[in-house]
Amino acid sequence: MSRELLIESRGAVEIATLNRPERLNALSEGLVDELNAYFGGLADRKEVRVVILRGAGRGFCAGLDIQEDRATGETPVLRTLRTQTSIGNIYRKMRACPQPIIALGHGAAAGGGLSLLLASDVRYGTPSFRCNAAYIRIGLGGCDMASSYFLPRLVGASLASEMILTGRFIDAERALRAGLISEIVDEDALLDRGLALADEMLATAPWGLRLSKQALNLNIDAQSLDAAMAIEDRQQVILSATEDHKEALAAFLAKRPPEYRER
C-alpha cells in the first residue's frame, strides 16, 4: 500500500486510515486505486475478520479531489466515466467483502467521503462530525456515488431528499437522531470505541459473522418477508452443521469463552 492508505493490523482487526490530511483525505486517483485494491482483496484474507475505516488529520474525507490534474488522452466523457466507475467500485467492494466495516467519522465527510461511511456496516461520529451529499453544489445531480441507494435506506426518504436536493450539511446530533451514526464519541475515545465493537464481533463464530453480513446485504432489498426468511433459513441450516456451532453451544453451557477453529 502507498502512504495514501495506511493499514495497521491488530490481530484479526485491520485499521485502514485515509492518509491525505493536507487535502482532508480527498479521493485522489492513487487513493482510489489503493481503496479498490484493499477492499477487493479482503475476500481472500480470512485472517482479517473486521475492518475499521478512519481518516487522518482534521476530517474523515472531503470527497473527490477536484483540484487533482486528471488530464489524459481520453475524451471528457470517457474520462468522467472512468472516474465514476473506479470510485463507485470502492463502495461495491465494501459491501461485497465479508468483513464488517466499522467507520469512524470526524470532521467533514462530504460527497464520496460520505459514501465511504454509508457503505460501511457501523458508523460512529465525533461531536465535530458533519456530512453532506455535495454533488449538487458543483452543478451536478445530487444523486451520486450510491447516495440515492444508501441514504433513503438509512435515514428515510425525507432527510435523504433534503440532503440530496440541497447538498446541505447535517451535524452529528442530527445524524445520530436519523440513525446515520450509532453513537457520538469524543474524538480521543473514537478508535477505542471502534476497537471495542470489533472485539464483540470477534467473539462470534467467523462464518456466522460473515454470513450475517451477507444476509443483511441481501435482505435490505428482499422482495418479500418469505424471501428474507429463506435466506435466513439457508444460513442457519449451513451454520448448524459446523463444528463452531457445536463449540459455541458447549461453551455457552459450560459458561466459558468459545474456541473457534473454522476459518
C-alpha atoms as a PDB file:
ATOM      1  CA  MET A   1       0.000   0.000   0.000  1.00  0.00           C
ATOM      2  CA  SER A   2       1.121   3.591  -0.604  1.00  0.00           C
ATOM      3  CA  ARG A   3       1.310   6.253   2.052  1.00  0.00           C
ATOM      4  CA  GLU A   4      -2.159   7.442   0.995  1.00  0.00           C
ATOM      5  CA  LEU A   5      -3.781   4.417   2.656  1.00  0.00           C
ATOM      6  CA  LEU A   6      -2.233   3.141   5.868  1.00  0.00           C
ATOM      7  CA  ILE A   7      -3.066  -0.373   7.064  1.00  0.00           C
ATOM      8  CA  GLU A   8      -2.417  -1.366  10.675  1.00  0.00           C
ATOM      9  CA  SER A   9      -3.013  -4.925  11.867  1.00  0.00           C
ATOM     10  CA  ARG A  10      -4.220  -5.659  15.378  1.00  0.00           C
ATOM     11  CA  GLY A  11      -4.737  -9.371  15.430  1.00  0.00           C
ATOM     12  CA  ALA A  12      -7.826 -10.172  13.376  1.00  0.00           C
ATOM     13  CA  VAL A  13      -8.700  -6.466  13.045  1.00  0.00           C
ATOM     14  CA  GLU A  14      -7.239  -4.112  10.442  1.00  0.00           C
ATOM     15  CA  ILE A  15      -7.349  -0.329  10.752  1.00  0.00           C
ATOM     16  CA  ALA A  16      -7.441   1.358   7.345  1.00  0.00           C
ATOM     17  CA  THR A  17      -6.584   5.056   7.545  1.00  0.00           C
ATOM     18  CA  LEU A  18      -7.095   7.524   4.705  1.00  0.00           C
ATOM     19  CA  ASN A  19      -3.820   9.420   4.821  1.00  0.00           C
ATOM     20  CA  ARG A  20      -4.024  12.638   2.821  1.00  0.00           C
ATOM     21  CA  PRO A  21      -4.589  15.031   5.735  1.00  0.00           C
ATOM     22  CA  GLU A  22      -3.232  18.018   3.808  1.00  0.00           C
ATOM     23  CA  ARG A  23      -6.160  17.538   1.372  1.00  0.00           C
ATOM     24  CA  LEU A  24      -8.711  16.493   4.003  1.00  0.00           C
ATOM     25  CA  ASN A  25      -8.260  12.940   2.688  1.00  0.00           C
ATOM     26  CA  ALA A  26      -9.853  13.831  -0.641  1.00  0.00           C
ATOM     27  CA  LEU A  27     -10.036  10.967  -3.109  1.00  0.00           C
ATOM     28  CA  SER A  28      -7.079  11.144  -5.483  1.00  0.00           C
ATOM     29  CA  GLU A  29      -6.591   8.605  -8.269  1.00  0.00           C
ATOM     30  CA  GLY A  30      -3.907   6.944  -6.167  1.00  0.00           C
ATOM     31  CA  LEU A  31      -6.092   6.682  -3.076  1.00  0.00           C
ATOM     32  CA  VAL A  32      -8.992   5.366  -5.161  1.00  0.00           C
ATOM     33  CA  ASP A  33      -6.749   2.666  -6.610  1.00  0.00           C
ATOM     34  CA  GLU A  34      -5.493   1.740  -3.125  1.00  0.00           C
ATOM     35  CA  LEU A  35      -9.023   1.511  -1.710  1.00  0.00           C
ATOM     36  CA  ASN A  36     -10.165  -0.659  -4.611  1.00  0.00           C
ATOM     37  CA  ALA A  37      -7.204  -2.981  -4.195  1.00  0.00           C
ATOM     38  CA  TYR A  38      -7.643  -3.213  -0.433  1.00  0.00           C
ATOM     39  CA  PHE A  39     -11.382  -3.862  -0.262  1.00  0.00           C
ATOM     40  CA  GLY A  40     -11.259  -6.063  -3.346  1.00  0.00           C
ATOM     41  CA  GLY A  41      -8.639  -8.294  -1.743  1.00  0.00           C
ATOM     42  CA  LEU A  42     -10.392  -8.868   1.571  1.00  0.00           C
ATOM     43  CA  ALA A  43     -12.492 -11.800   0.388  1.00  0.00           C
ATOM     44  CA  ASP A  44      -9.349 -13.934   0.174  1.00  0.00           C
ATOM     45  CA  ARG A  45      -7.937 -12.801   3.528  1.00  0.00           C
ATOM     46  CA  LYS A  46      -9.803 -14.863   6.093  1.00  0.00           C
ATOM     47  CA  GLU A  47      -7.327 -13.927   8.810  1.00  0.00           C
ATOM     48  CA  VAL A  48      -8.881 -10.438   8.756  1.00  0.00           C
ATOM     49  CA  ARG A  49     -12.287 -10.556  10.402  1.00  0.00           C
ATOM     50  CA  VAL A  50     -13.160  -6.880  10.998  1.00  0.00           C
ATOM     51  CA  VAL A  51     -12.047  -3.630   9.342  1.00  0.00           C
ATOM     52  CA  ILE A  52     -12.014  -0.178  10.943  1.00  0.00           C
ATOM     53  CA  LEU A  53     -12.027   2.735   8.477  1.00  0.00           C
ATOM     54  CA  ARG A  54     -10.992   6.234   9.520  1.00  0.00           C
ATOM     55  CA  GLY A  55      -9.342   9.423   8.245  1.00  0.00           C
ATOM     56  CA  ALA A  56      -6.123  11.147   9.325  1.00  0.00           C
ATOM     57  CA  GLY A  57      -5.980  14.793  10.314  1.00  0.00           C
ATOM     58  CA  ARG A  58      -8.907  17.207  10.664  1.00  0.00           C
ATOM     59  CA  GLY A  59     -11.619  15.305   8.843  1.00  0.00           C
ATOM     60  CA  PHE A  60     -12.769  11.961   7.516  1.00  0.00           C
ATOM     61  CA  CYS A  61     -12.877  12.584   3.748  1.00  0.00           C
ATOM     62  CA  ALA A  62     -13.710  15.638   1.631  1.00  0.00           C
ATOM     63  CA  GLY A  63     -14.830  13.560  -1.367  1.00  0.00           C
ATOM     64  CA  LEU A  64     -13.297  13.712  -4.827  1.00  0.00           C
ATOM     65  CA  ASP A  65     -10.120  15.761  -5.101  1.00  0.00           C
ATOM     66  CA  ILE A  66     -11.411  18.163  -7.754  1.00  0.00           C
ATOM     67  CA  GLN A  67      -8.074  20.009  -7.898  1.00  0.00           C
ATOM     68  CA  GLU A  68      -6.107  16.955  -8.996  1.00  0.00           C
ATOM     69  CA  ASP A  69      -4.922  17.013 -12.599  1.00  0.00           C
ATOM     70  CA  ARG A  70      -6.682  14.121 -14.315  1.00  0.00           C
ATOM     71  CA  ALA A  71      -5.755  15.104 -17.850  1.00  0.00           C
ATOM     72  CA  THR A  72      -5.395  12.113 -20.190  1.00  0.00           C
ATOM     73  CA  GLY A  73      -5.767  11.440 -23.872  1.00  0.00           C
ATOM     74  CA  GLU A  74      -9.381  10.386 -23.283  1.00  0.00           C
ATOM     75  CA  THR A  75     -12.419  12.426 -24.232  1.00  0.00           C
ATOM     76  CA  PRO A  76     -14.025  14.239 -21.275  1.00  0.00           C
ATOM     77  CA  VAL A  77     -16.963  11.815 -21.309  1.00  0.00           C
ATOM     78  CA  LEU A  78     -14.765   8.723 -21.162  1.00  0.00           C
ATOM     79  CA  ARG A  79     -12.520  10.270 -18.513  1.00  0.00           C
ATOM     80  CA  THR A  80     -15.522  11.092 -16.318  1.00  0.00           C
ATOM     81  CA  LEU A  81     -16.984   7.636 -16.836  1.00  0.00           C
ATOM     82  CA  ARG A  82     -13.709   6.040 -15.796  1.00  0.00           C
ATOM     83  CA  THR A  83     -13.559   8.196 -12.663  1.00  0.00           C
ATOM     84  CA  GLN A  84     -17.182   7.449 -11.782  1.00  0.00           C
ATOM     85  CA  THR A  85     -16.664   3.720 -12.241  1.00  0.00           C
ATOM     86  CA  SER A  86     -13.397   3.489 -10.320  1.00  0.00           C
ATOM     87  CA  ILE A  87     -14.729   5.391  -7.303  1.00  0.00           C
ATOM     88  CA  GLY A  88     -18.079   3.603  -7.422  1.00  0.00           C
ATOM     89  CA  ASN A  89     -16.311   0.243  -7.382  1.00  0.00           C
ATOM     90  CA  ILE A  90     -14.970   1.050  -3.907  1.00  0.00           C
ATOM     91  CA  TYR A  91     -18.486   1.023  -2.450  1.00  0.00           C
ATOM     92  CA  ARG A  92     -19.414  -2.149  -4.326  1.00  0.00           C
ATOM     93  CA  LYS A  93     -16.343  -3.885  -2.919  1.00  0.00           C
ATOM     94  CA  MET A  94     -17.036  -2.615   0.592  1.00  0.00           C
ATOM     95  CA  ARG A  95     -20.488  -4.164   0.520  1.00  0.00           C
ATOM     96  CA  ALA A  96     -19.220  -7.367  -1.116  1.00  0.00           C
ATOM     97  CA  CYS A  97     -16.321  -8.035   1.264  1.00  0.00           C
ATOM     98  CA  PRO A  98     -17.274 -10.488   4.028  1.00  0.00           C
ATOM     99  CA  GLN A  99     -15.698  -8.474   6.846  1.00  0.00           C
ATOM    100  CA  PRO A 100     -17.866  -5.990   8.759  1.00  0.00           C
ATOM    101  CA  ILE A 101     -16.569  -2.427   8.337  1.00  0.00           C
ATOM    102  CA  ILE A 102     -16.708  -0.003  11.257  1.00  0.00           C
ATOM    103  CA  ALA A 103     -16.355   3.624  10.092  1.00  0.00           C
ATOM    104  CA  LEU A 104     -15.102   6.321  12.452  1.00  0.00           C
ATOM    105  CA  GLY A 105     -16.241   9.749  11.275  1.00  0.00           C
ATOM    106  CA  HIS A 106     -14.780  13.028  12.499  1.00  0.00           C
ATOM    107  CA  GLY A 107     -14.868  16.456  10.949  1.00  0.00           C
ATOM    108  CA  ALA A 108     -16.305  16.553   7.446  1.00  0.00           C
ATOM    109  CA  ALA A 109     -17.470  13.619   5.336  1.00  0.00           C
ATOM    110  CA  ALA A 110     -18.529  15.087   2.005  1.00  0.00           C
ATOM    111  CA  GLY A 111     -19.635  13.583  -1.298  1.00  0.00           C
ATOM    112  CA  GLY A 112     -17.677  10.427  -1.965  1.00  0.00           C
ATOM    113  CA  GLY A 113     -16.413  10.599   1.621  1.00  0.00           C
ATOM    114  CA  LEU A 114     -19.987  10.383   2.867  1.00  0.00           C
ATOM    115  CA  SER A 115     -20.464   7.325   0.670  1.00  0.00           C
ATOM    116  CA  LEU A 116     -17.476   5.645   2.341  1.00  0.00           C
ATOM    117  CA  LEU A 117     -19.396   5.954   5.593  1.00  0.00           C
ATOM    118  CA  LEU A 118     -22.685   4.850   4.047  1.00  0.00           C
ATOM    119  CA  ALA A 119     -21.090   1.727   2.544  1.00  0.00           C
ATOM    120  CA  SER A 120     -19.747   0.711   5.963  1.00  0.00           C
ATOM    121  CA  ASP A 121     -21.702  -1.514   8.327  1.00  0.00           C
ATOM    122  CA  VAL A 122     -21.492   0.536  11.537  1.00  0.00           C
ATOM    123  CA  ARG A 123     -20.723   4.243  11.864  1.00  0.00           C
ATOM    124  CA  TYR A 124     -19.611   6.263  14.866  1.00  0.00           C
ATOM    125  CA  GLY A 125     -19.081  10.019  14.820  1.00  0.00           C
ATOM    126  CA  THR A 126     -17.398  12.643  16.969  1.00  0.00           C
ATOM    127  CA  PRO A 127     -19.079  15.892  18.109  1.00  0.00           C
ATOM    128  CA  SER A 128     -17.284  17.617  15.207  1.00  0.00           C
ATOM    129  CA  PHE A 129     -18.736  15.224  12.634  1.00  0.00           C
ATOM    130  CA  ARG A 130     -20.793  16.652   9.777  1.00  0.00           C
ATOM    131  CA  CYS A 131     -21.674  15.248   6.386  1.00  0.00           C
ATOM    132  CA  ASN A 132     -23.284  16.178   3.089  1.00  0.00           C
ATOM    133  CA  ALA A 133     -24.111  14.859  -0.362  1.00  0.00           C
ATOM    134  CA  ALA A 134     -22.077  17.574  -2.009  1.00  0.00           C
ATOM    135  CA  TYR A 135     -22.566  16.791  -5.694  1.00  0.00           C
ATOM    136  CA  ILE A 136     -25.411  19.186  -6.453  1.00  0.00           C
ATOM    137  CA  ARG A 137     -23.321  22.095  -5.168  1.00  0.00           C
ATOM    138  CA  ILE A 138     -20.944  21.862  -8.140  1.00  0.00           C
ATOM    139  CA  GLY A 139     -23.606  21.779 -10.836  1.00  0.00           C
ATOM    140  CA  LEU A 140     -24.074  18.013 -10.941  1.00  0.00           C
ATOM    141  CA  GLY A 141     -27.012  15.854  -9.994  1.00  0.00           C
ATOM    142  CA  GLY A 142     -27.393  15.294  -6.280  1.00  0.00           C
ATOM    143  CA  CYS A 143     -27.615  11.517  -6.719  1.00  0.00           C
ATOM    144  CA  ASP A 144     -24.080  10.165  -6.994  1.00  0.00           C
ATOM    145  CA  MET A 145     -21.750   7.546  -5.506  1.00  0.00           C
ATOM    146  CA  ALA A 146     -24.651   5.369  -4.328  1.00  0.00           C
ATOM    147  CA  SER A 147     -26.133   8.178  -2.220  1.00  0.00           C
ATOM    148  CA  SER A 148     -29.588   7.656  -3.746  1.00  0.00           C
ATOM    149  CA  TYR A 149     -29.357   3.976  -2.748  1.00  0.00           C
ATOM    150  CA  PHE A 150     -27.841   4.200   0.717  1.00  0.00           C
ATOM    151  CA  LEU A 151     -29.341   7.378   2.170  1.00  0.00           C
ATOM    152  CA  PRO A 152     -33.079   6.586   1.897  1.00  0.00           C
ATOM    153  CA  ARG A 153     -32.459   3.161   3.406  1.00  0.00           C
ATOM    154  CA  LEU A 154     -30.511   4.601   6.328  1.00  0.00           C
ATOM    155  CA  VAL A 155     -32.311   7.848   7.151  1.00  0.00           C
ATOM    156  CA  GLY A 156     -35.620   7.703   5.285  1.00  0.00           C
ATOM    157  CA  ALA A 157     -36.847   9.458   2.168  1.00  0.00           C
ATOM    158  CA  SER A 158     -37.442  12.896   3.689  1.00  0.00           C
ATOM    159  CA  LEU A 159     -33.974  13.569   5.097  1.00  0.00           C
ATOM    160  CA  ALA A 160     -32.350  11.829   2.133  1.00  0.00           C
ATOM    161  CA  SER A 161     -34.217  14.159  -0.231  1.00  0.00           C
ATOM    162  CA  GLU A 162     -33.284  17.189   1.856  1.00  0.00           C
ATOM    163  CA  MET A 163     -29.602  16.288   1.722  1.00  0.00           C
ATOM    164  CA  ILE A 164     -29.509  15.245  -1.928  1.00  0.00           C
ATOM    165  CA  LEU A 165     -31.577  18.158  -3.262  1.00  0.00           C
ATOM    166  CA  THR A 166     -29.639  20.855  -1.388  1.00  0.00           C
ATOM    167  CA  GLY A 167     -26.182  19.492  -0.584  1.00  0.00           C
ATOM    168  CA  ARG A 168     -26.566  20.930   2.912  1.00  0.00           C
ATOM    169  CA  PHE A 169     -24.543  19.571   5.825  1.00  0.00           C
ATOM    170  CA  ILE A 170     -26.111  17.799   8.782  1.00  0.00           C
ATOM    171  CA  ASP A 171     -24.287  17.713  12.102  1.00  0.00           C
ATOM    172  CA  ALA A 172     -23.526  14.834  14.454  1.00  0.00           C
ATOM    173  CA  GLU A 173     -26.652  15.267  16.569  1.00  0.00           C
ATOM    174  CA  ARG A 174     -28.961  15.127  13.588  1.00  0.00           C
ATOM    175  CA  ALA A 175     -27.022  12.233  12.071  1.00  0.00           C
ATOM    176  CA  LEU A 176     -27.474  10.345  15.347  1.00  0.00           C
ATOM    177  CA  ARG A 177     -31.207  11.066  15.539  1.00  0.00           C
ATOM    178  CA  ALA A 178     -31.644   9.915  11.937  1.00  0.00           C
ATOM    179  CA  GLY A 179     -29.745   6.673  12.510  1.00  0.00           C
ATOM    180  CA  LEU A 180     -26.900   7.538  10.139  1.00  0.00           C
ATOM    181  CA  ILE A 181     -24.430   7.065  13.004  1.00  0.00           C
ATOM    182  CA  SER A 182     -24.884   4.769  16.003  1.00  0.00           C
ATOM    183  CA  GLU A 183     -23.220   6.910  18.636  1.00  0.00           C
ATOM    184  CA  ILE A 184     -21.404  10.204  19.215  1.00  0.00           C
ATOM    185  CA  VAL A 185     -18.000   9.583  20.780  1.00  0.00           C
ATOM    186  CA  ASP A 186     -15.322  12.046  21.901  1.00  0.00           C
ATOM    187  CA  GLU A 187     -12.526  12.143  19.360  1.00  0.00           C
ATOM    188  CA  ASP A 188      -9.845  10.875  21.752  1.00  0.00           C
ATOM    189  CA  ALA A 189     -12.007   7.813  22.508  1.00  0.00           C
ATOM    190  CA  LEU A 190     -13.184   7.137  18.955  1.00  0.00           C
ATOM    191  CA  LEU A 191     -10.669   4.467  17.967  1.00  0.00           C
ATOM    192  CA  ASP A 192     -11.047   2.667  21.292  1.00  0.00           C
ATOM    193  CA  ARG A 193     -14.823   2.616  20.782  1.00  0.00           C
ATOM    194  CA  GLY A 194     -14.378   1.099  17.335  1.00  0.00           C
ATOM    195  CA  LEU A 195     -11.929  -1.485  18.636  1.00  0.00           C
ATOM    196  CA  ALA A 196     -14.298  -2.394  21.471  1.00  0.00           C
ATOM    197  CA  LEU A 197     -17.074  -3.087  18.984  1.00  0.00           C
ATOM    198  CA  ALA A 198     -14.650  -5.084  16.852  1.00  0.00           C
ATOM    199  CA  ASP A 199     -13.807  -7.199  19.905  1.00  0.00           C
ATOM    200  CA  GLU A 200     -17.500  -8.001  20.365  1.00  0.00           C
ATOM    201  CA  MET A 201     -17.673  -9.087  16.737  1.00  0.00           C
ATOM    202  CA  LEU A 202     -14.564 -11.236  17.171  1.00  0.00           C
ATOM    203  CA  ALA A 203     -16.327 -13.109  19.976  1.00  0.00           C
ATOM    204  CA  THR A 204     -18.685 -14.592  17.365  1.00  0.00           C
ATOM    205  CA  ALA A 205     -18.028 -17.558  15.092  1.00  0.00           C
ATOM    206  CA  PRO A 206     -16.098 -16.445  11.958  1.00  0.00           C
ATOM    207  CA  TRP A 207     -18.547 -17.927   9.453  1.00  0.00           C
ATOM    208  CA  GLY A 208     -21.522 -16.774  11.482  1.00  0.00           C
ATOM    209  CA  LEU A 209     -20.222 -13.202  11.270  1.00  0.00           C
ATOM    210  CA  ARG A 210     -19.529 -13.413   7.534  1.00  0.00           C
ATOM    211  CA  LEU A 211     -22.896 -14.893   6.634  1.00  0.00           C
ATOM    212  CA  SER A 212     -24.716 -12.410   8.866  1.00  0.00           C
ATOM    213  CA  LYS A 213     -23.260  -9.512   6.870  1.00  0.00           C
ATOM    214  CA  GLN A 214     -24.229 -11.318   3.670  1.00  0.00           C
ATOM    215  CA  ALA A 215     -27.823 -11.803   4.823  1.00  0.00           C
ATOM    216  CA  LEU A 216     -28.151  -8.166   5.894  1.00  0.00           C
ATOM    217  CA  ASN A 217     -26.926  -7.065   2.467  1.00  0.00           C
ATOM    218  CA  LEU A 218     -29.356  -9.314   0.630  1.00  0.00           C
ATOM    219  CA  ASN A 219     -32.376  -8.728   2.820  1.00  0.00           C
ATOM    220  CA  ILE A 220     -32.324  -4.953   2.680  1.00  0.00           C
ATOM    221  CA  ASP A 221     -33.604  -5.456  -0.873  1.00  0.00           C
ATOM    222  CA  ALA A 222     -35.593  -8.609  -0.221  1.00  0.00           C
ATOM    223  CA  GLN A 223     -38.715  -8.929  -2.385  1.00  0.00           C
ATOM    224  CA  SER A 224     -40.810 -10.203   0.495  1.00  0.00           C
ATOM    225  CA  LEU A 225     -40.782 -11.497   4.057  1.00  0.00           C
ATOM    226  CA  ASP A 226     -40.672 -15.034   2.717  1.00  0.00           C
ATOM    227  CA  ALA A 227     -37.640 -14.230   0.530  1.00  0.00           C
ATOM    228  CA  ALA A 228     -35.797 -12.735   3.509  1.00  0.00           C
ATOM    229  CA  MET A 229     -36.597 -15.678   5.759  1.00  0.00           C
ATOM    230  CA  ALA A 230     -35.483 -18.154   3.097  1.00  0.00           C
ATOM    231  CA  ILE A 231     -32.010 -16.590   3.186  1.00  0.00           C
ATOM    232  CA  GLU A 232     -32.004 -16.730   6.991  1.00  0.00           C
ATOM    233  CA  ASP A 233     -33.108 -20.382   6.969  1.00  0.00           C
ATOM    234  CA  ARG A 234     -30.407 -21.265   4.437  1.00  0.00           C
ATOM    235  CA  GLN A 235     -27.580 -19.803   6.500  1.00  0.00           C
ATOM    236  CA  GLN A 236     -28.859 -21.312   9.753  1.00  0.00           C
ATOM    237  CA  VAL A 237     -29.008 -24.780   8.196  1.00  0.00           C
ATOM    238  CA  ILE A 238     -25.451 -24.362   6.895  1.00  0.00           C
ATOM    239  CA  LEU A 239     -24.068 -22.995  10.169  1.00  0.00           C
ATOM    240  CA  SER A 240     -25.829 -25.581  12.333  1.00  0.00           C
ATOM    241  CA  ALA A 241     -23.667 -28.241  10.673  1.00  0.00           C
ATOM    242  CA  THR A 242     -20.368 -26.585  11.609  1.00  0.00           C
ATOM    243  CA  GLU A 243     -18.017 -27.565  14.413  1.00  0.00           C
ATOM    244  CA  ASP A 244     -18.028 -23.938  15.580  1.00  0.00           C
ATOM    245  CA  HIS A 245     -21.763 -24.186  16.272  1.00  0.00           C
ATOM    246  CA  LYS A 246     -21.173 -27.236  18.457  1.00  0.00           C
ATOM    247  CA  GLU A 247     -18.316 -25.451  20.212  1.00  0.00           C
ATOM    248  CA  ALA A 248     -20.435 -22.344  20.822  1.00  0.00           C
ATOM    249  CA  LEU A 249     -23.216 -24.411  22.384  1.00  0.00           C
ATOM    250  CA  ALA A 250     -20.760 -26.304  24.586  1.00  0.00           C
ATOM    251  CA  ALA A 251     -19.066 -23.076  25.677  1.00  0.00           C
ATOM    252  CA  PHE A 252     -22.410 -21.442  26.451  1.00  0.00           C
ATOM    253  CA  LEU A 253     -23.483 -24.359  28.650  1.00  0.00           C
ATOM    254  CA  ALA A 254     -20.074 -24.500  30.353  1.00  0.00           C
ATOM    255  CA  LYS A 255     -20.042 -20.698  30.844  1.00  0.00           C
ATOM    256  CA  ARG A 256     -16.645 -20.333  29.151  1.00  0.00           C
ATOM    257  CA  PRO A 257     -15.399 -18.451  26.072  1.00  0.00           C
ATOM    258  CA  PRO A 258     -15.687 -20.483  22.856  1.00  0.00           C
ATOM    259  CA  GLU A 259     -12.593 -21.533  20.915  1.00  0.00           C
ATOM    260  CA  TYR A 260     -13.446 -21.242  17.242  1.00  0.00           C
ATOM    261  CA  ARG A 261     -11.353 -23.138  14.702  1.00  0.00           C
ATOM    262  CA  GLU A 262     -13.170 -22.868  11.372  1.00  0.00           C
ATOM    263  CA  ARG A 263     -11.910 -20.066   9.162  1.00  0.00           C
END
